[in-house]
Amino acid sequence: MDSWLTLLPPCLSILLAMATRQVYVAIFAGIMTGSILLSQNVLLGMAKSFNAVADTFQSSSSVKSLIFILMIGAIINVMKQSGGIDALIYHLAYKRNIVKSKVSAQLITFAFGFLMCLEGIGSMMLVGLVGRPLFNQYDISREKLAFVANCTGAPLAWLMPFSGAGIFLASLIAAQVENGTLAEQPMNYVFAALPYQIYTIAILALVPLLALKMHDFVTENTSEANHVNVVHSFDSQPQTGVFAILLPIVILLASILAITYTTGDGDILAGDISSAIYWSGFISLIGSGIYFRVCQIKINQYVEWCVQGMKNMLPAVIILTLAFSLSGITGQLGTGKYLASFVSSEVPVWLVPASIFIICVLISFSTGSSGATVSIMTPIIIPLAVGVGVSVPLAIATVISGAVFGDQSSPISDSVIVASTAADCPPEKHFATQLPYTLAVALLSLAFYLVIGFNA
């Protein structure tokens, strides 16, 4: 379908999500609308909308992502119930006296996101896990915590060449190398594009800047519960050590590296990182279970921790299932390709980088997915850049910057859903409080691409 109607399902979902604050209803309305457009029949389309949700589970990658989120929920609850969080707070705030202000609380929380930089969802959940008690203690809003978590998700993942996102990008570029469009190694282009990823760099830099400025996200509708000054106090040193919180993370990261090294025959970059991330979740839970059993924690108690952690993630899993379904529908409608068609040979060369950025912003905001946007646009913009004489690394960076904005900002994005879940903040509040800042950074990025395009 090649018309403006392809924009209707995602736009409807976004508008309903903002107007009704009922995310489940909003996303499913988009799925149903898209199914009706594809079927050209109202009743048949309504019936197929339910099948579209079931079709999500036919995708191995989608199912693995949902299972991994459940495992991350289990890991987080294990770290929480084991007393590892209390031990970490005690170590940072009392023993080492590192966290002693709002600024240090935010900076330490932000830094923990880098421990899981290979996987965006894990990074956001870890930030929420560590940040909740610290933000409560220093009376910082949950909306601000959700923003910090979101900034360590997609922005950080796309800036790391060895992350799942980085390997995914390299594989897309490799296809262009194989067909003769590009001549150098894929990773050369990935590294060369890093300095031009203005949005991802600027949004990450904004987190410590706002922390140093003592800025908080407070609105009239912010619940008072988010601002109650809950002081984390200890009558004595916690019985559990910091090792209880670090062990699951260490096992998770070590497993990812070991599996990618093995599957890549000694080359981590050539390994199957998506499968490695999935398997590492199981390995982390099993390894942690063995450790806690040695520490006299009963098996049924550990299993209960895991099950409860998975239950805590069910709302996010349901929304993500619907989001994956909507993404599939927009893919069948050709929403991304329709928007990309606006970039044509009629656009002046100096406007190409800014035009690519705008198109990617529109695609990612309407689909809520940076991965979908990058996969749609990369095969289009690389030949375009080569053909019109625009720097290929610059063109790749504009795609990533535009894609990350929508991933981080759209109310139907998985990043918004996971970050708000991690921070225990309503998704609509997270969306409303962070949008002015992500929009400001997007405008800054647009200005940069206009200037660099004009001077190229």
Protein backbone atom coordinates (compact mmCIF):
# COMPACT_ATOMS: atom_id res chain seq x y z
CA MET A 1 0.00 0.00 0.00
CA ASP A 2 1.52 3.29 -1.09
CA SER A 3 -0.60 6.07 0.38
CA TRP A 4 -1.01 8.22 3.46
CA LEU A 5 -3.31 5.55 4.91
CA THR A 6 -0.22 3.55 5.89
CA LEU A 7 0.38 6.20 8.55
CA LEU A 8 -3.08 5.78 10.08
CA PRO A 9 -2.47 2.77 12.44
CA PRO A 10 0.65 4.12 14.21
CA CYS A 11 -0.73 7.66 14.33
CA LEU A 12 -4.01 6.41 15.82
CA SER A 13 -2.15 4.41 18.47
CA ILE A 14 0.02 7.38 19.41
CA LEU A 15 -2.92 9.78 19.64
CA LEU A 16 -5.03 7.34 21.68
CA ALA A 17 -2.13 6.58 24.00
CA MET A 18 -1.69 10.28 24.71
CA ALA A 19 -5.42 11.05 24.97
CA THR A 20 -6.71 8.05 26.93
CA ARG A 21 -3.53 6.87 28.73
CA GLN A 22 -4.75 3.34 28.03
CA VAL A 23 -1.71 1.88 26.29
CA TYR A 24 -3.18 -1.59 25.76
CA VAL A 25 -6.29 -0.20 24.05
CA ALA A 26 -4.31 2.34 22.03
CA ILE A 27 -1.89 -0.17 20.54
CA PHE A 28 -4.56 -2.76 19.82
CA ALA A 29 -6.65 -0.08 18.08
CA GLY A 30 -3.70 0.51 15.78
CA ILE A 31 -3.37 -3.24 15.14
CA MET A 32 -7.07 -3.52 14.29
CA THR A 33 -6.97 -0.46 12.01
CA GLY A 34 -3.95 -1.81 10.16
CA SER A 35 -5.57 -5.24 9.77
CA ILE A 36 -8.70 -3.66 8.33
CA LEU A 37 -6.61 -1.68 5.82
CA LEU A 38 -4.73 -4.81 4.78
CA SER A 39 -7.93 -6.88 4.45
CA GLN A 40 -10.02 -4.15 2.82
CA ASN A 41 -12.88 -5.55 4.87
CA VAL A 42 -13.99 -4.41 8.31
CA LEU A 43 -15.18 -7.72 9.74
CA LEU A 44 -12.36 -9.75 8.23
CA GLY A 45 -9.83 -7.15 9.38
CA MET A 46 -11.16 -7.24 12.95
CA ALA A 47 -10.80 -11.02 12.96
CA LYS A 48 -7.27 -10.86 11.54
CA SER A 49 -6.21 -8.32 14.18
CA PHE A 50 -6.41 -11.10 16.78
CA ASN A 51 -4.39 -13.38 14.52
CA ALA A 52 -1.80 -10.61 14.17
CA VAL A 53 -1.14 -10.82 17.91
CA ALA A 54 -0.80 -14.60 17.71
CA ASP A 55 1.53 -14.26 14.70
CA THR A 56 4.00 -12.43 16.94
CA PHE A 57 4.78 -15.76 18.59
CA GLN A 58 5.78 -17.26 15.24
CA SER A 59 8.82 -15.01 15.25
CA SER A 60 11.69 -16.67 17.09
CA SER A 61 13.42 -13.33 17.75
CA SER A 62 10.26 -11.78 19.23
CA VAL A 63 9.60 -14.76 21.48
CA LYS A 64 13.22 -14.79 22.63
CA SER A 65 12.99 -11.07 23.44
CA LEU A 66 9.85 -11.61 25.52
CA ILE A 67 11.38 -14.58 27.37
CA PHE A 68 14.56 -12.61 28.00
CA ILE A 69 12.52 -9.77 29.53
CA LEU A 70 10.90 -12.30 31.88
CA MET A 71 14.34 -13.62 32.82
CA ILE A 72 15.62 -10.09 33.42
CA GLY A 73 12.64 -9.60 35.75
CA ALA A 74 13.60 -12.79 37.58
CA ILE A 75 17.26 -11.74 37.86
CA ILE A 76 16.30 -8.32 39.19
CA ASN A 77 13.97 -9.76 41.82
CA VAL A 78 16.65 -12.25 42.88
CA MET A 79 19.12 -9.39 43.39
CA LYS A 80 16.48 -7.47 45.31
CA GLN A 81 15.21 -10.30 47.53
CA SER A 82 18.71 -11.58 48.28
CA GLY A 83 19.56 -8.31 50.01
CA GLY A 84 22.13 -7.37 47.40
CA ILE A 85 20.51 -3.97 46.85
CA ASP A 86 20.63 -3.14 50.55
CA ALA A 87 24.28 -4.19 50.61
CA LEU A 88 25.02 -2.00 47.57
CA ILE A 89 23.31 1.05 49.07
CA TYR A 90 25.09 0.48 52.37
CA HIS A 91 28.44 0.15 50.59
CA LEU A 92 27.98 3.25 48.42
CA ALA A 93 26.21 5.55 50.87
CA TYR A 94 27.62 4.54 54.25
CA LYS A 95 30.80 2.51 54.01
CA ARG A 96 32.40 4.34 51.09
CA ASN A 97 30.34 7.51 51.43
CA ILE A 98 30.21 7.81 47.64
CA VAL A 99 26.50 8.61 47.37
CA LYS A 100 25.81 11.62 49.57
CA SER A 101 23.71 13.99 47.44
CA LYS A 102 21.13 14.13 44.67
CA VAL A 103 23.89 14.65 42.14
CA SER A 104 25.93 11.61 43.15
CA ALA A 105 22.78 9.46 43.41
CA GLN A 106 21.93 10.24 39.78
CA LEU A 107 25.48 9.87 38.49
CA ILE A 108 26.01 6.50 40.21
CA THR A 109 22.66 5.24 38.88
CA PHE A 110 23.59 6.41 35.38
CA ALA A 111 26.98 4.70 35.62
CA PHE A 112 25.37 1.35 36.43
CA GLY A 113 23.65 1.45 33.04
CA PHE A 114 27.04 1.03 31.38
CA LEU A 115 27.49 -2.37 33.04
CA MET A 116 24.80 -3.79 30.75
CA CYS A 117 25.56 -1.71 27.67
CA LEU A 118 25.56 -4.83 25.45
CA GLU A 119 21.80 -5.15 25.90
CA GLY A 120 19.46 -2.16 26.17
CA ILE A 121 16.64 -3.82 28.10
CA GLY A 122 18.99 -5.22 30.73
CA SER A 123 20.65 -1.83 31.09
CA MET A 124 17.34 -0.05 31.68
CA MET A 125 16.17 -2.62 34.21
CA LEU A 126 19.47 -2.50 36.12
CA VAL A 127 19.26 1.31 36.29
CA GLY A 128 15.75 1.03 37.70
CA LEU A 129 16.82 -1.60 40.22
CA VAL A 130 19.73 0.42 41.57
CA GLY A 131 18.07 3.80 41.15
CA ARG A 132 14.78 3.29 43.01
CA PRO A 133 16.19 3.24 46.56
CA LEU A 134 18.75 5.98 45.78
CA PHE A 135 16.18 8.25 44.14
CA ASN A 136 13.73 7.62 47.00
CA GLN A 137 16.36 8.44 49.59
CA TYR A 138 17.17 11.80 47.99
CA ASP A 139 13.58 12.60 46.96
CA ILE A 140 14.13 12.50 43.21
CA SER A 141 11.12 11.76 41.03
CA ARG A 142 10.49 8.42 39.38
CA GLU A 143 9.96 10.31 36.11
CA LYS A 144 13.58 11.41 36.27
CA LEU A 145 14.68 7.83 36.97
CA ALA A 146 12.71 6.61 33.95
CA PHE A 147 14.52 9.21 31.80
CA VAL A 148 17.92 8.08 33.10
CA ALA A 149 17.00 4.44 32.41
CA ASN A 150 15.76 5.24 28.91
CA CYS A 151 18.98 7.09 28.08
CA THR A 152 21.03 4.00 28.93
CA GLY A 153 18.86 1.85 26.67
CA ALA A 154 18.78 2.48 22.91
CA PRO A 155 21.14 5.53 22.90
CA LEU A 156 23.90 3.65 24.68
CA ALA A 157 23.33 0.38 22.78
CA TRP A 158 23.67 2.05 19.36
CA LEU A 159 26.83 3.85 20.49
CA MET A 160 28.51 0.57 21.42
CA PRO A 161 29.89 -1.17 18.30
CA PHE A 162 30.09 -4.52 20.13
CA SER A 163 26.52 -4.46 21.47
CA GLY A 164 23.65 -6.38 19.91
CA ALA A 165 22.58 -3.21 18.10
CA GLY A 166 26.11 -2.59 16.83
CA ILE A 167 26.45 -6.12 15.47
CA PHE A 168 23.01 -5.80 13.85
CA LEU A 169 24.09 -2.59 12.11
CA ALA A 170 27.34 -4.20 10.95
CA SER A 171 25.36 -7.08 9.41
CA LEU A 172 23.20 -4.62 7.44
CA ILE A 173 26.30 -2.83 6.19
CA ALA A 174 27.92 -6.19 5.32
CA ALA A 175 25.08 -6.85 2.86
CA GLN A 176 26.02 -3.61 1.06
CA VAL A 177 29.66 -4.68 1.00
CA GLU A 178 28.75 -8.05 -0.47
CA ASN A 179 26.71 -6.52 -3.30
CA GLY A 180 29.55 -4.16 -4.20
CA THR A 181 28.00 -0.89 -3.01
CA LEU A 182 30.70 -0.45 -0.35
CA ALA A 183 34.35 -1.49 -0.41
CA GLU A 184 35.60 -1.39 3.19
CA GLN A 185 34.98 -3.70 6.15
CA PRO A 186 31.54 -3.20 7.80
CA MET A 187 33.01 -2.35 11.21
CA ASN A 188 35.04 0.46 9.64
CA TYR A 189 31.80 2.22 8.75
CA VAL A 190 30.30 1.51 12.19
CA PHE A 191 33.26 3.15 13.94
CA ALA A 192 33.44 6.02 11.43
CA ALA A 193 29.76 6.82 12.05
CA LEU A 194 30.17 7.19 15.83
CA PRO A 195 31.26 10.90 15.87
CA TYR A 196 28.21 11.81 13.75
CA GLN A 197 25.67 10.18 16.09
CA ILE A 198 24.82 13.57 17.53
CA TYR A 199 21.48 12.62 19.06
CA THR A 200 22.77 9.58 20.96
CA ILE A 201 25.86 11.44 22.18
CA ALA A 202 23.93 14.57 23.21
CA ILE A 203 21.11 12.71 25.01
CA LEU A 204 23.63 10.69 27.01
CA ALA A 205 25.55 13.86 27.91
CA LEU A 206 22.29 15.48 29.02
CA VAL A 207 21.87 13.01 31.92
CA PRO A 208 24.94 14.08 33.94
CA LEU A 209 24.37 17.70 32.89
CA LEU A 210 20.84 17.73 34.35
CA ALA A 211 22.13 15.95 37.45
CA LEU A 212 24.80 18.60 38.01
CA LYS A 213 22.17 21.31 37.49
CA MET A 214 20.07 19.70 40.28
CA HIS A 215 17.19 19.43 37.81
CA ASP A 216 14.23 17.13 38.43
CA PHE A 217 11.16 16.13 36.41
CA VAL A 218 8.25 17.41 38.47
CA THR A 219 4.80 18.13 37.05
CA GLU A 220 1.49 19.06 38.61
CA ASN A 221 0.22 15.56 37.91
CA THR A 222 3.18 13.81 39.46
CA SER A 223 1.97 11.57 42.23
CA GLU A 224 2.98 12.52 45.75
CA ALA A 225 4.08 8.93 46.30
CA ASN A 226 6.97 9.49 43.94
CA HIS A 227 8.28 12.34 46.06
CA VAL A 228 8.04 10.99 49.55
CA ASN A 229 11.48 11.18 51.07
CA VAL A 230 12.09 7.55 51.92
CA VAL A 231 15.39 7.39 53.77
CA HIS A 232 17.22 4.10 53.42
CA SER A 233 18.62 3.44 56.86
CA PHE A 234 20.39 0.48 58.40
CA ASP A 235 20.61 -0.47 62.06
CA SER A 236 23.56 -2.69 61.17
CA GLN A 237 25.54 -3.75 58.17
CA PRO A 238 23.45 -5.92 55.80
CA GLN A 239 24.16 -9.64 56.07
CA THR A 240 24.42 -10.07 52.29
CA GLY A 241 27.44 -8.70 50.42
CA VAL A 242 27.55 -6.62 47.26
CA PHE A 243 28.55 -9.85 45.52
CA ALA A 244 24.87 -10.90 45.65
CA ILE A 245 23.94 -8.13 43.22
CA LEU A 246 27.08 -8.33 41.08
CA LEU A 247 27.11 -12.13 40.60
CA PRO A 248 24.03 -12.39 38.28
CA ILE A 249 25.35 -9.47 36.19
CA VAL A 250 28.87 -10.90 36.02
CA ILE A 251 27.53 -14.31 34.96
CA LEU A 252 25.25 -12.67 32.38
CA LEU A 253 28.03 -10.60 30.77
CA ALA A 254 30.62 -13.37 30.98
CA SER A 255 28.20 -15.79 29.32
CA ILE A 256 27.51 -13.36 26.48
CA LEU A 257 31.22 -12.92 25.81
CA ALA A 258 31.97 -16.65 26.08
CA ILE A 259 29.13 -17.67 23.76
CA THR A 260 29.90 -15.03 21.13
CA TYR A 261 33.58 -16.04 21.27
CA THR A 262 32.65 -19.71 20.78
CA THR A 263 30.02 -19.21 18.06
CA GLY A 264 32.35 -16.81 16.28
CA ASP A 265 35.26 -19.30 16.27
CA GLY A 266 37.40 -16.99 18.36
CA ASP A 267 36.02 -13.75 16.90
CA ILE A 268 33.53 -12.09 19.26
CA LEU A 269 32.28 -9.78 16.50
CA ALA A 270 31.43 -12.77 14.29
CA GLY A 271 29.52 -14.57 17.06
CA ASP A 272 25.76 -14.97 17.40
CA ILE A 273 25.20 -12.18 19.92
CA SER A 274 21.38 -12.29 19.82
CA SER A 275 21.35 -15.98 20.80
CA ALA A 276 24.15 -15.34 23.29
CA ILE A 277 22.05 -12.71 25.06
CA TYR A 278 19.09 -15.10 25.19
CA TRP A 279 21.07 -18.09 26.51
CA SER A 280 22.95 -15.96 29.00
CA GLY A 281 19.71 -15.20 30.82
CA PHE A 282 19.22 -18.89 31.62
CA ILE A 283 22.88 -19.33 32.53
CA SER A 284 22.74 -16.35 34.89
CA LEU A 285 19.65 -17.68 36.67
CA ILE A 286 21.08 -21.20 36.98
CA GLY A 287 24.50 -19.98 38.13
CA SER A 288 22.98 -17.59 40.66
CA GLY A 289 20.70 -20.36 41.90
CA ILE A 290 23.70 -22.61 42.59
CA TYR A 291 25.44 -19.78 44.49
CA PHE A 292 22.42 -19.01 46.66
CA ARG A 293 21.87 -22.71 47.35
CA VAL A 294 25.44 -22.86 48.68
CA CYS A 295 24.49 -19.83 50.80
CA GLN A 296 21.73 -21.93 52.39
CA ILE A 297 18.86 -20.43 50.36
CA LYS A 298 16.30 -23.17 49.72
CA ILE A 299 15.60 -24.06 46.09
CA ASN A 300 11.86 -23.44 46.43
CA GLN A 301 12.60 -19.99 47.88
CA TYR A 302 14.88 -19.16 44.93
CA VAL A 303 12.30 -20.41 42.42
CA GLU A 304 9.66 -18.27 44.14
CA TRP A 305 11.91 -15.22 43.75
CA CYS A 306 12.30 -15.96 40.04
CA VAL A 307 8.58 -16.55 39.44
CA GLN A 308 7.63 -13.36 41.29
CA GLY A 309 10.16 -11.39 39.25
CA MET A 310 8.66 -12.75 36.04
CA LYS A 311 5.17 -11.85 37.25
CA ASN A 312 6.34 -8.28 37.83
CA MET A 313 7.31 -8.08 34.15
CA LEU A 314 4.01 -9.39 32.74
CA PRO A 315 2.48 -5.92 32.07
CA ALA A 316 5.57 -4.94 30.07
CA VAL A 317 5.51 -8.27 28.20
CA ILE A 318 1.86 -7.80 27.23
CA ILE A 319 2.46 -4.29 25.95
CA LEU A 320 5.58 -5.39 24.08
CA THR A 321 3.66 -8.25 22.46
CA LEU A 322 1.12 -5.72 21.19
CA ALA A 323 3.91 -3.37 20.10
CA PHE A 324 5.62 -6.18 18.14
CA SER A 325 2.27 -6.95 16.49
CA LEU A 326 1.78 -3.31 15.50
CA SER A 327 5.31 -3.20 14.12
CA GLY A 328 4.52 -6.24 11.97
CA ILE A 329 1.35 -4.60 10.69
CA THR A 330 3.14 -1.35 9.77
CA GLY A 331 5.79 -3.43 8.01
CA GLN A 332 3.15 -5.15 5.88
CA LEU A 333 1.54 -1.80 5.10
CA GLY A 334 4.89 -0.35 4.05
CA THR A 335 4.71 2.61 6.43
CA GLY A 336 8.48 3.01 6.57
CA LYS A 337 8.97 2.72 2.83
CA TYR A 338 6.21 5.26 2.21
CA LEU A 339 7.92 7.79 4.47
CA ALA A 340 11.31 7.02 2.97
CA SER A 341 9.98 7.78 -0.51
CA PHE A 342 10.02 11.47 0.41
CA VAL A 343 13.79 11.39 0.07
CA SER A 344 14.32 11.55 -3.68
CA SER A 345 16.77 12.86 -6.23
CA GLU A 346 14.91 16.18 -6.17
CA VAL A 347 16.27 16.98 -2.70
CA PRO A 348 19.46 19.12 -2.81
CA VAL A 349 22.57 17.21 -1.79
CA TRP A 350 23.24 19.45 1.20
CA LEU A 351 19.76 18.67 2.54
CA VAL A 352 20.15 14.89 2.27
CA PRO A 353 21.58 14.27 5.80
CA ALA A 354 18.87 16.40 7.45
CA SER A 355 16.18 14.82 5.26
CA ILE A 356 17.29 11.31 6.21
CA PHE A 357 17.22 12.32 9.89
CA ILE A 358 13.67 13.71 9.63
CA ILE A 359 12.37 10.65 7.79
CA CYS A 360 13.92 8.32 10.39
CA VAL A 361 12.41 10.41 13.20
CA LEU A 362 8.96 10.01 11.61
CA ILE A 363 9.39 6.28 11.00
CA SER A 364 10.73 5.50 14.46
CA PHE A 365 8.15 7.66 16.25
CA SER A 366 5.31 6.02 14.33
CA THR A 367 6.63 2.47 14.77
CA GLY A 368 8.31 2.88 18.18
CA SER A 369 11.30 0.84 17.05
CA SER A 370 14.86 1.88 16.31
CA GLY A 371 15.70 -1.60 15.02
CA ALA A 372 12.85 -1.55 12.50
CA THR A 373 13.81 1.94 11.35
CA VAL A 374 17.48 1.07 10.90
CA SER A 375 16.63 -2.17 9.07
CA ILE A 376 14.27 -0.32 6.71
CA MET A 377 16.45 2.69 6.04
CA THR A 378 20.01 1.32 5.93
CA PRO A 379 19.59 -0.58 2.63
CA ILE A 380 17.99 2.57 1.19
CA ILE A 381 20.31 5.33 2.38
CA ILE A 382 23.66 3.65 1.71
CA PRO A 383 23.13 3.41 -2.07
CA LEU A 384 21.55 6.88 -1.93
CA ALA A 385 24.58 8.32 -0.14
CA VAL A 386 27.00 6.67 -2.57
CA GLY A 387 24.97 7.85 -5.54
CA VAL A 388 24.73 11.53 -4.54
CA GLY A 389 28.20 11.76 -2.98
CA VAL A 390 27.23 12.06 0.68
CA SER A 391 29.57 10.56 3.31
CA VAL A 392 28.37 7.01 4.06
CA PRO A 393 29.31 7.14 7.79
CA LEU A 394 27.40 10.45 8.05
CA ALA A 395 24.36 8.93 6.37
CA ILE A 396 24.47 5.88 8.67
CA ALA A 397 24.75 8.14 11.73
CA THR A 398 21.72 10.21 10.67
CA VAL A 399 19.67 7.01 10.41
CA ILE A 400 20.71 5.90 13.90
CA SER A 401 20.12 9.33 15.44
CA GLY A 402 16.63 9.61 13.97
CA ALA A 403 15.83 6.01 14.86
CA VAL A 404 16.93 6.39 18.48
CA PHE A 405 14.82 9.53 18.98
CA GLY A 406 11.60 7.69 18.12
CA ASP A 407 12.62 4.59 20.04
CA GLN A 408 13.24 6.71 23.13
CA SER A 409 10.30 9.09 22.72
CA SER A 410 7.31 7.33 21.14
CA PRO A 411 4.54 6.32 23.58
CA ILE A 412 4.29 2.96 21.79
CA SER A 413 8.02 2.27 22.01
CA ASP A 414 9.33 -0.73 23.93
CA SER A 415 12.00 1.53 25.47
CA VAL A 416 9.37 3.85 26.97
CA ILE A 417 7.49 0.84 28.31
CA VAL A 418 10.53 -0.92 29.79
CA ALA A 419 12.10 2.27 31.21
CA SER A 420 8.87 3.29 32.93
CA THR A 421 8.44 -0.26 34.27
CA ALA A 422 12.01 -0.24 35.58
CA ALA A 423 11.42 3.07 37.35
CA ASP A 424 7.92 2.13 38.58
CA CYS A 425 6.56 5.15 36.74
CA PRO A 426 3.38 5.30 34.57
CA PRO A 427 4.38 5.19 30.85
CA GLU A 428 2.31 8.26 30.00
CA LYS A 429 4.09 10.34 32.66
CA HIS A 430 7.48 9.17 31.46
CA PHE A 431 6.53 10.08 27.89
CA ALA A 432 5.19 13.52 28.82
CA THR A 433 8.07 14.55 31.08
CA GLN A 434 10.93 13.47 28.83
CA LEU A 435 9.52 14.60 25.45
CA PRO A 436 10.55 18.29 25.78
CA TYR A 437 14.16 17.21 26.35
CA THR A 438 14.34 14.60 23.61
CA LEU A 439 12.70 17.06 21.21
CA ALA A 440 15.24 19.74 22.12
CA VAL A 441 18.12 17.33 21.46
CA ALA A 442 16.48 16.25 18.18
CA LEU A 443 16.29 19.89 17.04
CA LEU A 444 19.94 20.36 17.99
CA SER A 445 20.80 17.26 15.94
CA LEU A 446 18.79 18.56 12.97
CA ALA A 447 20.68 21.86 13.09
CA PHE A 448 23.97 19.95 13.15
CA TYR A 449 23.03 17.86 10.10
CA LEU A 450 21.93 20.98 8.23
CA VAL A 451 25.25 22.70 8.94
CA ILE A 452 27.42 19.71 8.17
CA GLY A 453 25.43 19.01 5.01
CA PHE A 454 25.84 22.61 3.83
CA ASN A 455 29.60 22.55 4.51
CA ALA A 456 30.21 19.09 3.06
